[in-house]
Amino acid sequence: QVQLVESGGGLVQAGGSLRLSCTASGSIFSINAMRWYRQAPGKQRELVAAITNGGSANIANYADSVKGRFTISTDNARNTVYLQMNSVKPEDTAVYYCHAAVVAGVPRRNIEVWGQGTLVTVSS
C-alpha cells in the first residue's frame, strides 16, 4: 500500500557531507510527518530529525547531537524527505531509517511506515 525507499548512504570522511533521501509511494492522501532515525551497532534506535505538517509551514525538530549540522527538508510534490548531513562525525555512523506518518488507502487510514535503512559510515 505504502512504501518508503531510502538512498544516499555511504562512506564519508569526518567533516564531510552527504544527503539522504526517502521517497514515499503508494496511495497516499497526505503525509502528516516524516522522520529520520538512526541505529548504531549495539545501540537503541534514536530519533535524529522530524518534520511535521503545520499547514502552510513545516515544523522541523532535531536531536541535540545534530543541531546545527543536519537539516531535514521535504519535496512535497514528490513525497520525499531529505536529510542533509554536514560536518559529520564518527559518532554519526549508523543505519539511518526513514519513517512516515501518512494517511493512505481506500478507505483512508492513518499508517506508520518504515524505510529499509541506509548505512552511513563516517571515517576518522
Protein backbone atom coordinates (compact mmCIF):
# COMPACT_ATOMS: atom_id res chain seq x y z
CA GLN A 1 0.00 0.00 0.00
CA VAL A 2 2.72 2.46 1.04
CA GLN A 3 6.47 2.06 0.78
CA LEU A 4 9.46 4.16 1.72
CA VAL A 5 12.64 3.83 -0.32
CA GLU A 6 15.85 5.32 1.04
CA SER A 7 19.10 6.21 -0.66
CA GLY A 8 22.21 8.29 -0.16
CA GLY A 9 24.13 6.36 2.45
CA GLY A 10 27.78 5.53 2.09
CA LEU A 11 31.27 6.22 3.34
CA VAL A 12 32.26 9.78 4.16
CA GLN A 13 35.21 11.34 5.95
CA ALA A 14 34.77 13.20 9.20
CA GLY A 15 33.92 16.81 8.46
CA GLY A 16 32.37 15.93 5.14
CA SER A 17 28.79 15.96 3.94
CA LEU A 18 26.20 13.74 2.36
CA ARG A 19 22.48 13.78 1.75
CA LEU A 20 20.00 11.04 2.45
CA SER A 21 16.68 10.83 0.66
CA CYS A 22 13.49 8.93 1.30
CA THR A 23 10.59 8.73 -1.11
CA ALA A 24 7.11 7.54 -0.20
CA SER A 25 5.00 5.80 -2.80
CA GLY A 26 1.53 4.33 -2.93
CA SER A 27 -2.00 5.56 -2.46
CA ILE A 28 -1.05 8.45 -0.21
CA PHE A 29 -3.61 11.09 0.59
CA SER A 30 -1.39 13.16 2.85
CA ILE A 31 1.81 12.98 4.86
CA ASN A 32 1.48 14.23 8.40
CA ALA A 33 5.10 13.79 9.42
CA MET A 34 8.38 12.38 8.19
CA ARG A 35 11.29 11.47 10.42
CA TRP A 36 14.83 10.19 10.35
CA TYR A 37 16.03 7.71 12.94
CA ARG A 38 19.40 6.08 13.27
CA GLN A 39 20.72 2.99 14.96
CA ALA A 40 24.36 2.23 15.63
CA PRO A 41 25.54 -1.33 16.34
CA GLY A 42 24.62 -2.33 19.87
CA LYS A 43 22.66 0.87 20.40
CA GLN A 44 18.98 1.71 20.53
CA ARG A 45 17.32 3.42 17.63
CA GLU A 46 17.15 7.16 18.19
CA LEU A 47 15.24 9.98 16.58
CA VAL A 48 17.52 12.30 14.64
CA ALA A 49 15.18 14.74 12.95
CA ALA A 50 11.50 15.20 12.24
CA ILE A 51 9.40 17.44 10.10
CA THR A 52 5.67 17.82 10.59
CA ASN A 53 2.89 19.31 8.55
CA GLY A 54 2.00 22.67 10.03
CA GLY A 55 -0.34 23.72 7.26
CA SER A 56 1.43 26.22 5.06
CA ALA A 57 4.64 25.88 7.07
CA ASN A 58 6.59 22.77 8.00
CA ILE A 59 7.96 22.42 11.51
CA ALA A 60 11.36 20.80 11.94
CA ASN A 61 12.95 19.40 15.09
CA TYR A 62 16.37 17.91 15.71
CA ALA A 63 18.20 15.88 18.26
CA ASP A 64 20.67 17.99 20.22
CA SER A 65 23.54 15.92 18.85
CA VAL A 66 22.88 17.04 15.28
CA LYS A 67 21.59 20.58 15.68
CA GLY A 68 23.49 22.99 13.51
CA ARG A 69 24.88 20.18 11.38
CA PHE A 70 21.89 18.31 9.92
CA THR A 71 18.92 19.72 8.04
CA ILE A 72 15.68 17.93 7.29
CA SER A 73 13.60 19.10 4.34
CA THR A 74 10.84 17.88 2.08
CA ASP A 75 9.79 17.97 -1.53
CA ASN A 76 6.06 17.62 -1.03
CA ALA A 77 5.27 17.23 -4.71
CA ARG A 78 7.44 14.11 -4.77
CA ASN A 79 6.58 12.83 -1.29
CA THR A 80 10.27 12.93 -0.48
CA VAL A 81 12.17 13.83 2.67
CA TYR A 82 15.88 14.62 2.78
CA LEU A 83 18.47 14.69 5.49
CA GLN A 84 21.40 16.93 4.67
CA MET A 85 24.30 15.90 6.87
CA ASN A 86 27.14 18.39 7.20
CA SER A 87 30.24 18.34 9.37
CA VAL A 88 29.72 14.67 10.04
CA LYS A 89 31.46 12.96 12.94
CA PRO A 90 32.46 9.33 13.50
CA GLU A 91 29.69 9.06 16.08
CA ASP A 92 27.19 9.72 13.29
CA THR A 93 27.97 6.25 11.92
CA ALA A 94 24.73 4.27 11.93
CA VAL A 95 21.98 2.82 9.83
CA TYR A 96 19.59 5.64 9.10
CA TYR A 97 15.89 4.84 8.82
CA CYS A 98 13.16 6.94 7.31
CA HIS A 99 9.74 6.92 8.94
CA ALA A 100 6.49 8.44 7.75
CA ALA A 101 3.10 9.01 9.29
CA VAL A 102 0.67 9.11 6.40
CA VAL A 103 -2.98 8.96 5.50
CA ALA A 104 -3.38 6.44 2.75
CA GLY A 105 -5.52 3.80 1.12
CA VAL A 106 -9.17 3.40 0.27
CA PRO A 107 -10.78 3.98 2.68
CA ARG A 108 -8.27 6.40 4.10
CA ARG A 109 -6.34 5.24 7.14
CA ASN A 110 -3.57 6.55 9.35
CA ILE A 111 -0.49 4.47 8.59
CA GLU A 112 3.03 4.35 10.01
CA VAL A 113 5.68 3.22 7.53
CA TRP A 114 9.40 2.48 7.87
CA GLY A 115 12.06 2.54 5.22
CA GLN A 116 14.59 -0.23 4.79
CA GLY A 117 17.51 1.73 6.21
CA THR A 118 20.67 3.09 4.62
CA LEU A 119 24.13 2.77 6.15
CA VAL A 120 26.24 5.85 6.82
CA THR A 121 29.85 5.27 7.80
CA VAL A 122 32.00 8.20 8.89
CA SER A 123 35.72 7.59 8.90
CA SER A 124 38.12 9.42 11.20
